[in-house]
C-alpha atoms as a PDB file:
ATOM      1  CA  MET A   1      -0.078  -0.172   0.096  1.00  0.00           C
ATOM      2  CA  ALA A   2       1.604   3.259  -1.046  1.00  0.00           C
ATOM      3  CA  SER A   3       1.769   6.221   1.450  1.00  0.00           C
ATOM      4  CA  SER A   4      -0.204   9.100  -0.018  1.00  0.00           C
ATOM      5  CA  LEU A   5       0.866  12.446   1.596  1.00  0.00           C
ATOM      6  CA  PRO A   6      -1.709  14.843   1.517  1.00  0.00           C
ATOM      7  CA  THR A   7      -1.663  18.394  -0.276  1.00  0.00           C
ATOM      8  CA  SER A   8      -4.757  20.377   0.762  1.00  0.00           C
ATOM      9  CA  PRO A   9      -5.517  19.061   4.372  1.00  0.00           C
ATOM     10  CA  SER A  10      -8.702  20.428   6.046  1.00  0.00           C
ATOM     11  CA  GLU A  11      -8.398  21.158   9.885  1.00  0.00           C
ATOM     12  CA  LEU A  12     -10.062  19.751  12.640  1.00  0.00           C
ATOM     13  CA  SER A  13      -9.784  20.967  16.363  1.00  0.00           C
ATOM     14  CA  SER A  14      -9.441  18.723  19.097  1.00  0.00           C
ATOM     15  CA  PHE A  15      -9.728  20.959  22.157  1.00  0.00           C
ATOM     16  CA  PRO A  16     -12.877  20.039  22.654  1.00  0.00           C
ATOM     17  CA  SER A  17     -14.486  18.425  19.584  1.00  0.00           C
ATOM     18  CA  GLU A  18     -18.239  19.040  18.826  1.00  0.00           C
ATOM     19  CA  GLY A  19     -20.399  17.174  21.331  1.00  0.00           C
ATOM     20  CA  GLU A  20     -17.837  17.189  24.289  1.00  0.00           C
ATOM     21  CA  GLY A  21     -18.845  20.188  25.865  1.00  0.00           C
ATOM     22  CA  THR A  22     -20.658  18.335  28.774  1.00  0.00           C
ATOM     23  CA  ARG A  23     -17.917  15.985  29.217  1.00  0.00           C
ATOM     24  CA  GLN A  24     -15.860  15.970  32.380  1.00  0.00           C
ATOM     25  CA  PRO A  25     -12.394  17.554  31.753  1.00  0.00           C
ATOM     26  CA  SER A  26     -10.625  14.236  32.218  1.00  0.00           C
ATOM     27  CA  GLN A  27     -12.901  12.637  29.710  1.00  0.00           C
ATOM     28  CA  GLN A  28     -12.390  15.640  26.722  1.00  0.00           C
ATOM     29  CA  VAL A  29     -10.765  13.980  23.886  1.00  0.00           C
ATOM     30  CA  VAL A  30      -7.532  15.053  22.394  1.00  0.00           C
ATOM     31  CA  TRP A  31      -5.122  14.036  19.899  1.00  0.00           C
ATOM     32  CA  TYR A  32      -1.552  13.271  20.975  1.00  0.00           C
ATOM     33  CA  PHE A  33       1.268  13.233  18.550  1.00  0.00           C
ATOM     34  CA  ALA A  34       3.950  10.506  19.512  1.00  0.00           C
ATOM     35  CA  TYR A  35       7.236  10.609  17.436  1.00  0.00           C
ATOM     36  CA  GLY A  36       9.285   8.567  19.853  1.00  0.00           C
ATOM     37  CA  ALA A  37       8.718   5.545  22.260  1.00  0.00           C
ATOM     38  CA  ASN A  38       4.671   6.111  22.330  1.00  0.00           C
ATOM     39  CA  MET A  39       4.682   5.218  18.650  1.00  0.00           C
ATOM     40  CA  SER A  40       5.122   1.810  19.600  1.00  0.00           C
ATOM     41  CA  SER A  41       1.744  -0.131  20.865  1.00  0.00           C
ATOM     42  CA  LYS A  42       3.872  -2.227  23.247  1.00  0.00           C
ATOM     43  CA  VAL A  43       4.992   1.019  25.093  1.00  0.00           C
ATOM     44  CA  LEU A  44       1.689   3.014  25.035  1.00  0.00           C
ATOM     45  CA  ILE A  45      -0.719   0.324  25.357  1.00  0.00           C
ATOM     46  CA  GLY A  46       1.184  -2.674  26.892  1.00  0.00           C
ATOM     47  CA  ARG A  47       3.386  -0.376  29.297  1.00  0.00           C
ATOM     48  CA  ARG A  48       1.623   2.793  29.849  1.00  0.00           C
ATOM     49  CA  LYS A  49      -1.722   1.236  29.934  1.00  0.00           C
ATOM     50  CA  VAL A  50      -3.221   3.824  27.139  1.00  0.00           C
ATOM     51  CA  LYS A  51      -5.216   2.375  24.451  1.00  0.00           C
ATOM     52  CA  PRO A  52      -6.364   4.952  22.080  1.00  0.00           C
ATOM     53  CA  MET A  53      -9.449   5.139  20.382  1.00  0.00           C
ATOM     54  CA  GLU A  54      -7.796   5.660  16.906  1.00  0.00           C
ATOM     55  CA  SER A  55      -4.196   5.921  15.871  1.00  0.00           C
ATOM     56  CA  TYR A  56      -3.213   7.195  12.373  1.00  0.00           C
ATOM     57  CA  PRO A  57       0.870   7.992  10.902  1.00  0.00           C
ATOM     58  CA  CYS A  58       0.951  11.700  10.256  1.00  0.00           C
ATOM     59  CA  HIS A  59       3.418  14.308   9.666  1.00  0.00           C
ATOM     60  CA  VAL A  60       4.172  17.750  11.133  1.00  0.00           C
ATOM     61  CA  GLU A  61       5.736  20.439   9.092  1.00  0.00           C
ATOM     62  CA  GLY A  62       8.287  23.100  10.410  1.00  0.00           C
ATOM     63  CA  TYR A  63       9.717  20.515  13.125  1.00  0.00           C
ATOM     64  CA  ASP A  64      12.247  17.626  13.316  1.00  0.00           C
ATOM     65  CA  LEU A  65      13.057  14.380  15.559  1.00  0.00           C
ATOM     66  CA  VAL A  66      16.094  15.470  18.014  1.00  0.00           C
ATOM     67  CA  PHE A  67      18.141  13.388  20.672  1.00  0.00           C
ATOM     68  CA  ASN A  68      18.827  16.255  22.854  1.00  0.00           C
ATOM     69  CA  MET A  69      17.410  15.136  26.154  1.00  0.00           C
ATOM     70  CA  LYS A  70      20.182  13.754  28.687  1.00  0.00           C
ATOM     71  CA  GLY A  71      19.482   9.924  29.519  1.00  0.00           C
ATOM     72  CA  LEU A  72      22.101   7.759  31.410  1.00  0.00           C
ATOM     73  CA  PRO A  73      25.550   7.359  29.909  1.00  0.00           C
ATOM     74  CA  TYR A  74      26.646   4.054  28.598  1.00  0.00           C
ATOM     75  CA  PHE A  75      22.962   2.874  29.279  1.00  0.00           C
ATOM     76  CA  GLU A  76      20.594   5.396  27.311  1.00  0.00           C
ATOM     77  CA  PRO A  77      22.726   8.549  26.208  1.00  0.00           C
ATOM     78  CA  ALA A  78      19.697  10.632  25.062  1.00  0.00           C
ATOM     79  CA  PHE A  79      15.905  10.531  24.308  1.00  0.00           C
ATOM     80  CA  ALA A  80      13.788  11.898  21.672  1.00  0.00           C
ATOM     81  CA  SER A  81      12.427  15.497  21.630  1.00  0.00           C
ATOM     82  CA  ILE A  82      10.643  17.867  18.997  1.00  0.00           C
ATOM     83  CA  GLU A  83      12.527  21.004  17.749  1.00  0.00           C
ATOM     84  CA  LYS A  84      11.494  23.498  15.542  1.00  0.00           C
ATOM     85  CA  ARG A  85      13.091  23.684  11.810  1.00  0.00           C
ATOM     86  CA  GLN A  86      12.217  25.753   9.324  1.00  0.00           C
ATOM     87  CA  GLY A  87      11.357  23.883   6.103  1.00  0.00           C
ATOM     88  CA  TRP A  88      11.353  20.462   7.926  1.00  0.00           C
ATOM     89  CA  ARG A  89       9.135  17.738   8.039  1.00  0.00           C
ATOM     90  CA  MET A  90       8.603  15.414  10.590  1.00  0.00           C
ATOM     91  CA  HIS A  91       6.525  12.029  10.959  1.00  0.00           C
ATOM     92  CA  GLY A  92       5.280  10.114  13.868  1.00  0.00           C
ATOM     93  CA  VAL A  93       1.655   8.471  14.989  1.00  0.00           C
ATOM     94  CA  VAL A  94      -1.481  11.029  16.012  1.00  0.00           C
ATOM     95  CA  HIS A  95      -3.580   8.966  18.857  1.00  0.00           C
ATOM     96  CA  LYS A  96      -6.903   9.929  19.886  1.00  0.00           C
ATOM     97  CA  ILE A  97      -7.158   9.552  23.382  1.00  0.00           C
ATOM     98  CA  THR A  98      -8.988  11.574  26.394  1.00  0.00           C
ATOM     99  CA  ARG A  99      -7.247  14.206  28.838  1.00  0.00           C
ATOM    100  CA  ALA A 100      -7.186  11.793  31.613  1.00  0.00           C
ATOM    101  CA  GLN A 101      -4.748   9.565  29.431  1.00  0.00           C
ATOM    102  CA  MET A 102      -2.602  12.448  28.215  1.00  0.00           C
ATOM    103  CA  ASP A 103      -2.317  13.273  31.907  1.00  0.00           C
ATOM    104  CA  HIS A 104      -1.320   9.750  32.519  1.00  0.00           C
ATOM    105  CA  ILE A 105       1.282   9.564  29.846  1.00  0.00           C
ATOM    106  CA  ARG A 106       2.676  13.125  31.242  1.00  0.00           C
ATOM    107  CA  ARG A 107       3.043  11.307  34.618  1.00  0.00           C
ATOM    108  CA  THR A 108       4.894   8.387  33.311  1.00  0.00           C
ATOM    109  CA  GLU A 109       7.631  10.460  30.929  1.00  0.00           C
ATOM    110  CA  GLY A 110      10.131  12.717  31.927  1.00  0.00           C
ATOM    111  CA  GLY A 111       9.223  15.349  34.525  1.00  0.00           C
ATOM    112  CA  ASN A 112       6.548  13.393  35.774  1.00  0.00           C
ATOM    113  CA  GLY A 113       3.839  16.035  34.702  1.00  0.00           C
ATOM    114  CA  HIS A 114       5.517  18.816  36.201  1.00  0.00           C
ATOM    115  CA  ASP A 115       5.724  22.016  33.925  1.00  0.00           C
ATOM    116  CA  MET A 116       9.713  22.653  34.368  1.00  0.00           C
ATOM    117  CA  ASP A 117      11.400  24.661  31.929  1.00  0.00           C
ATOM    118  CA  ASP A 118      14.847  22.672  32.834  1.00  0.00           C
ATOM    119  CA  PHE A 119      13.656  19.129  32.838  1.00  0.00           C
ATOM    120  CA  GLY A 120      11.408  16.697  31.488  1.00  0.00           C
ATOM    121  CA  TYR A 121       8.798  17.319  28.831  1.00  0.00           C
ATOM    122  CA  ARG A 122       6.088  20.211  28.302  1.00  0.00           C
ATOM    123  CA  GLU A 123       2.840  20.302  26.202  1.00  0.00           C
ATOM    124  CA  ILE A 124       3.090  22.359  22.999  1.00  0.00           C
ATOM    125  CA  ILE A 125       0.335  22.024  20.200  1.00  0.00           C
ATOM    126  CA  VAL A 126       1.244  20.907  16.448  1.00  0.00           C
ATOM    127  CA  GLN A 127      -0.550  20.675  13.377  1.00  0.00           C
ATOM    128  CA  ALA A 128      -0.489  17.077  12.311  1.00  0.00           C
ATOM    129  CA  THR A 129      -1.509  15.890   9.051  1.00  0.00           C
ATOM    130  CA  ILE A 130      -2.819  12.307   9.078  1.00  0.00           C
ATOM    131  CA  TYR A 131      -2.280  10.048   5.850  1.00  0.00           C
ATOM    132  CA  GLN A 132      -2.814   6.676   4.314  1.00  0.00           C
ATOM    133  CA  PRO A 133      -0.307   3.843   6.299  1.00  0.00           C
ATOM    134  CA  TRP A 134       2.081   2.521   4.117  1.00  0.00           C
ATOM    135  CA  PHE A 135       3.219  -0.949   4.638  1.00  0.00           C
ATOM    136  CA  GLU A 136       6.247  -2.778   2.959  1.00  0.00           C
ATOM    137  CA  TYR A 137       4.448  -5.935   2.978  1.00  0.00           C
ATOM    138  CA  GLN A 138       1.532  -7.554   4.886  1.00  0.00           C
ATOM    139  CA  ASP A 139       2.848  -9.845   7.760  1.00  0.00           C
ATOM    140  CA  SER A 140       1.339 -11.395  11.159  1.00  0.00           C
ATOM    141  CA  ASN A 141       2.251  -8.015  12.894  1.00  0.00           C
ATOM    142  CA  THR A 142       0.408  -5.601  10.234  1.00  0.00           C
ATOM    143  CA  VAL A 143      -2.559  -4.209  11.742  1.00  0.00           C
ATOM    144  CA  THR A 144      -4.498  -1.703   9.512  1.00  0.00           C
ATOM    145  CA  SER A 145      -7.316  -1.068  11.621  1.00  0.00           C
ATOM    146  CA  HIS A 146      -6.647   1.712  13.924  1.00  0.00           C
ATOM    147  CA  GLY A 147      -8.982   4.156  12.769  1.00  0.00           C
ATOM    148  CA  ASN A 148     -11.448   5.272  10.144  1.00  0.00           C
ATOM    149  CA  PRO A 149     -10.194   6.093   6.610  1.00  0.00           C
ATOM    150  CA  THR A 150     -12.426   9.176   6.336  1.00  0.00           C
ATOM    151  CA  MET A 151      -9.510  10.801   8.554  1.00  0.00           C
ATOM    152  CA  TYR A 152      -6.944  10.421   5.775  1.00  0.00           C
ATOM    153  CA  PHE A 153      -5.875  14.067   4.328  1.00  0.00           C
ATOM    154  CA  GLN A 154      -7.340  15.585   7.794  1.00  0.00           C
ATOM    155  CA  THR A 155      -4.868  17.917   9.937  1.00  0.00           C
ATOM    156  CA  VAL A 156      -5.935  18.014  14.003  1.00  0.00           C
ATOM    157  CA  LYS A 157      -4.349  19.937  16.336  1.00  0.00           C
ATOM    158  CA  ALA A 158      -2.265  17.496  18.450  1.00  0.00           C
ATOM    159  CA  ILE A 159      -0.645  17.566  21.730  1.00  0.00           C
ATOM    160  CA  ALA A 160       3.413  16.890  21.638  1.00  0.00           C
ATOM    161  CA  LEU A 161       5.543  16.492  24.494  1.00  0.00           C
ATOM    162  CA  GLN A 162       8.647  18.654  24.078  1.00  0.00           C
ATOM    163  CA  GLY A 163      11.835  18.631  26.451  1.00  0.00           C
ATOM    164  CA  PRO A 164      14.235  20.944  27.167  1.00  0.00           C
ATOM    165  CA  PRO A 165      17.750  20.712  24.869  1.00  0.00           C
ATOM    166  CA  ASP A 166      20.316  19.482  27.352  1.00  0.00           C
ATOM    167  CA  ILE A 167      22.619  17.530  25.357  1.00  0.00           C
ATOM    168  CA  ASN A 168      24.150  17.850  21.999  1.00  0.00           C
ATOM    169  CA  ASP A 169      26.258  15.257  20.081  1.00  0.00           C
ATOM    170  CA  ALA A 170      24.351  12.173  21.548  1.00  0.00           C
ATOM    171  CA  ASN A 171      23.184   8.679  20.084  1.00  0.00           C
ATOM    172  CA  PRO A 172      20.010   7.183  21.216  1.00  0.00           C
ATOM    173  CA  SER A 173      20.744   3.546  22.524  1.00  0.00           C
ATOM    174  CA  ALA A 174      19.927   0.497  20.046  1.00  0.00           C
ATOM    175  CA  ARG A 175      17.071  -0.566  22.501  1.00  0.00           C
ATOM    176  CA  TYR A 176      15.582   2.799  22.662  1.00  0.00           C
ATOM    177  CA  LEU A 177      16.071   3.204  18.600  1.00  0.00           C
ATOM    178  CA  LYS A 178      14.477  -0.007  18.056  1.00  0.00           C
ATOM    179  CA  ILE A 179      11.355   0.783  19.791  1.00  0.00           C
ATOM    180  CA  LEU A 180      10.856   3.798  17.319  1.00  0.00           C
ATOM    181  CA  ARG A 181      11.555   1.637  14.256  1.00  0.00           C
ATOM    182  CA  ASP A 182       9.207  -1.018  15.244  1.00  0.00           C
ATOM    183  CA  GLY A 183       6.418   1.777  15.887  1.00  0.00           C
ATOM    184  CA  ALA A 184       6.835   3.493  12.943  1.00  0.00           C
ATOM    185  CA  LYS A 185       6.650   0.266  11.205  1.00  0.00           C
ATOM    186  CA  GLU A 186       3.593  -1.124  13.255  1.00  0.00           C
ATOM    187  CA  TYR A 187       1.468   2.079  12.127  1.00  0.00           C
ATOM    188  CA  GLY A 188       2.528   2.669   8.689  1.00  0.00           C
ATOM    189  CA  VAL A 189       4.584   5.780   8.869  1.00  0.00           C
ATOM    190  CA  ALA A 190       5.777   6.826   5.437  1.00  0.00           C
ATOM    191  CA  LYS A 191       8.808   5.094   3.833  1.00  0.00           C
ATOM    192  CA  GLU A 192      10.704   7.934   4.112  1.00  0.00           C
ATOM    193  CA  TRP A 193      10.675   8.382   7.675  1.00  0.00           C
ATOM    194  CA  GLN A 194      10.922   4.685   8.041  1.00  0.00           C
ATOM    195  CA  ASP A 195      14.295   4.591   6.037  1.00  0.00           C
ATOM    196  CA  HIS A 196      15.457   7.537   8.184  1.00  0.00           C
ATOM    197  CA  LEU A 197      14.710   6.016  11.456  1.00  0.00           C
ATOM    198  CA  ASN A 198      16.514   2.872   9.772  1.00  0.00           C
ATOM    199  CA  HIS A 199      19.251   3.980   7.948  1.00  0.00           C
ATOM    200  CA  THR A 200      20.387   7.501   8.801  1.00  0.00           C
ATOM    201  CA  LEU A 201      20.227   7.588  12.750  1.00  0.00           C
ATOM    202  CA  GLN A 202      22.816   5.773  14.216  1.00  0.00           C
ATOM    203  CA  GLU A 203      23.035   3.803  17.637  1.00  0.00           C
ATOM    204  CA  TYR A 204      24.863   4.373  20.666  1.00  0.00           C
ATOM    205  CA  LYS A 205      27.732   1.514  20.304  1.00  0.00           C
ATOM    206  CA  SER A 206      29.528   0.415  23.978  1.00  0.00           C
ATOM    207  CA  ALA A 207      31.142  -2.716  22.441  1.00  0.00           C
ATOM    208  CA  GLY A 208      34.529  -3.309  23.304  1.00  0.00           C
ATOM    209  CA  THR A 209      36.261  -4.462  26.907  1.00  0.00           C
ATOM    210  CA  VAL A 210      36.899  -0.831  27.974  1.00  0.00           C
ATOM    211  CA  LYS A 211      33.644   0.544  27.605  1.00  0.00           C
ATOM    212  CA  THR A 212      31.813  -2.522  28.935  1.00  0.00           C
ATOM    213  CA  VAL A 213      33.999  -1.876  32.119  1.00  0.00           C
ATOM    214  CA  GLY A 214      33.165   1.614  32.050  1.00  0.00           C
ATOM    215  CA  LYS A 215      29.910   0.899  31.399  1.00  0.00           C
ATOM    216  CA  PHE A 216      28.970  -1.220  34.837  1.00  0.00           C
ATOM    217  CA  SER A 217      31.850   0.397  36.955  1.00  0.00           C
ATOM    218  CA  PHE A 218      29.725   3.683  36.304  1.00  0.00           C
ATOM    219  CA  VAL A 219      26.531   2.504  37.013  1.00  0.00           C
ATOM    220  CA  LEU A 220      27.782   0.513  40.396  1.00  0.00           C
ATOM    221  CA  VAL A 221      28.980   4.348  41.493  1.00  0.00           C
ATOM    222  CA  ILE A 222      25.836   6.060  40.768  1.00  0.00           C
ATOM    223  CA  LEU A 223      23.310   3.582  41.436  1.00  0.00           C
ATOM    224  CA  PRO A 224      22.952   4.402  45.136  1.00  0.00           C
ATOM    225  CA  LEU A 225      22.278   7.718  44.457  1.00  0.00           C
ATOM    226  CA  PHE A 226      18.937   6.906  43.038  1.00  0.00           C
ATOM    227  CA  ILE A 227      17.421   4.235  45.242  1.00  0.00           C
ATOM    228  CA  ILE A 228      15.281   6.640  47.302  1.00  0.00           C
ATOM    229  CA  PRO A 229      14.157   8.719  44.537  1.00  0.00           C
ATOM    230  CA  ILE A 230      13.377   5.672  42.246  1.00  0.00           C
ATOM    231  CA  ILE A 231      11.427   4.033  45.126  1.00  0.00           C
ATOM    232  CA  MET A 232       9.182   7.318  45.419  1.00  0.00           C
ATOM    233  CA  MET A 233       8.651   6.964  41.921  1.00  0.00           C
ATOM    234  CA  ILE A 234       7.394   3.577  41.717  1.00  0.00           C
ATOM    235  CA  LEU A 235       5.172   4.285  44.523  1.00  0.00           C
ATOM    236  CA  SER A 236       3.698   7.160  42.591  1.00  0.00           C
ATOM    237  CA  HIS A 237       2.888   5.049  39.497  1.00  0.00           C
ATOM    238  CA  VAL A 238       1.583   1.996  41.370  1.00  0.00           C
ATOM    239  CA  PHE A 239      -0.875   4.716  43.135  1.00  0.00           C
ATOM    240  CA  LYS A 240      -1.263   6.320  40.059  1.00  0.00           C
ATOM    241  CA  VAL A 241      -0.766   9.807  41.788  1.00  0.00           C
ATOM    242  CA  GLN A 242       1.893  12.706  40.595  1.00  0.00           C
ATOM    243  CA  SER A 243       5.314  12.337  42.185  1.00  0.00           C
ATOM    244  CA  PRO A 244       6.041  15.159  44.515  1.00  0.00           C
ATOM    245  CA  TYR A 245       7.706  18.085  42.819  1.00  0.00           C
ATOM    246  CA  PHE A 246      10.981  17.742  44.873  1.00  0.00           C
ATOM    247  CA  VAL A 247      11.771  14.168  43.765  1.00  0.00           C
ATOM    248  CA  THR A 248      11.399  15.700  40.207  1.00  0.00           C
ATOM    249  CA  ARG A 249      13.841  18.297  41.088  1.00  0.00           C
ATOM    250  CA  LEU A 250      16.072  15.942  42.876  1.00  0.00           C
ATOM    251  CA  PHE A 251      16.113  13.820  39.551  1.00  0.00           C
ATOM    252  CA  LYS A 252      17.377  17.058  37.924  1.00  0.00           C
ATOM    253  CA  HIS A 253      19.979  17.510  40.118  1.00  0.00           C
ATOM    254  CA  LEU A 254      21.407  14.090  40.099  1.00  0.00           C
ATOM    255  CA  GLY A 255      21.169  13.894  36.616  1.00  0.00           C
ATOM    256  CA  SER A 256      23.781  16.915  36.564  1.00  0.00           C
ATOM    257  CA  VAL A 257      25.855  15.248  38.721  1.00  0.00           C
ATOM    258  CA  VAL A 258      25.906  11.623  36.966  1.00  0.00           C
ATOM    259  CA  TRP A 259      26.572  13.835  33.700  1.00  0.00           C
ATOM    260  CA  TRP A 260      29.541  15.571  35.595  1.00  0.00           C
ATOM    261  CA  VAL A 261      31.019  12.570  36.777  1.00  0.00           C
ATOM    262  CA  HIS A 262      30.930  10.995  33.130  1.00  0.00           C
ATOM    263  CA  ASP A 263      32.288  14.129  31.465  1.00  0.00           C
ATOM    264  CA  THR A 264      35.227  14.816  33.898  1.00  0.00           C
ATOM    265  CA  ILE A 265      36.263  11.134  34.894  1.00  0.00           C
ATOM    266  CA  TRP A 266      34.578   8.159  33.205  1.00  0.00           C
ATOM    267  CA  SER A 267      34.830   9.403  29.558  1.00  0.00           C
ATOM    268  CA  LYS A 268      38.459  10.303  29.685  1.00  0.00           C
ATOM    269  CA  LEU A 269      39.084   6.583  31.264  1.00  0.00           C
ATOM    270  CA  PHE A 270      36.551   4.459  29.370  1.00  0.00           C
ATOM    271  CA  GLY A 271      35.202   6.534  26.393  1.00  0.00           C
ATOM    272  CA  SER A 272      32.041   8.267  25.580  1.00  0.00           C
ATOM    273  CA  GLY A 273      29.021   7.162  27.278  1.00  0.00           C
ATOM    274  CA  LYS A 274      27.130   9.424  25.036  1.00  0.00           C
ATOM    275  CA  ASN A 275      28.225   8.744  21.262  1.00  0.00           C
ATOM    276  CA  ASN A 276      30.482   6.893  19.288  1.00  0.00           C
ATOM    277  CA  LYS A 277      33.446   9.122  19.664  1.00  0.00           C
ATOM    278  CA  GLU A 278      36.205   7.718  21.739  1.00  0.00           C
ATOM    279  CA  LYS A 279      36.469  10.577  24.440  1.00  0.00           C
END
C-alpha cells in the first residue's frame, strides 16, 4: 500500500470536539502526536496502559526529531524530543485519547507531569496531518484497523511533548531506537521516515572491553544515588498519582551530577558514554 501525503488538508480542532461540551475535563478527547517510544503499542498500550480510540500515521511541518534530552551515560545516552526547524517535516503517530490518558502519559514521562523549564517534557500544540498508512508487506504483525479511513488527509491540532535541549551530539541506545523503528513500522508511517529511522540515525555502541568495564563500573557508582527517588517514583506509578515536585527536581540535580562524573572522569578513562567517539 503506497503512502499518500496530503496536499490540501482540512483542519479539525480537538480541544474539545463537537458534542464534548458536557463531558468532564478528564474525559474530553484530545489528539496526541507521538514521535518517540509512544509510537509503539507495546509501550503505549502494553507499558503505559493507554489504549487510544484511534491511531494514524501523520506528519508535522516545521519540526524535526532530535535526541537532545539527557539519559543515562553508557546505557540510554539520550531520548527523543521535537524541535522547530524551518522547512523540515517530521513524522509520527497521532493517537486519539482522553485528557485523563494524556495526563497519565505525562506522569510516566520525563518530568512526571510537572511543568519545568529545565527538565522533563512540556506540552506544545502542533498541526498533525494524517495520511494513508504505508506497509512494505503484510505480515502477522501488520494491523490496518487503527482508525477510520475518512480521517486520511485531515489535519488535527495535537499535543506533542517537548523537552528542554540539554545535550548535544548524543546517540540514542539501540534498544530505544528499535522501539521507534518498530512503532513506525507498526502504524505504517511513511517510507521515507522509516528509511530515516532505519538507515540515517545511528545508535550508541558500547562494544569493547574498555567501554564495557566503564559501563558497569559507572552504574555501580551512581546507582546508590537514585535508590530513594526511584522508590518514590515507583510508588507514585503504583498509586497513579503525580510524584512530588521535589522528587522530580532531585532527579534533575542527580542527573547533572551523573553527567559531570561522566564528562570529567569516566569518559576520559573508558570512552564516551553519549556517542561513538573515543572521548
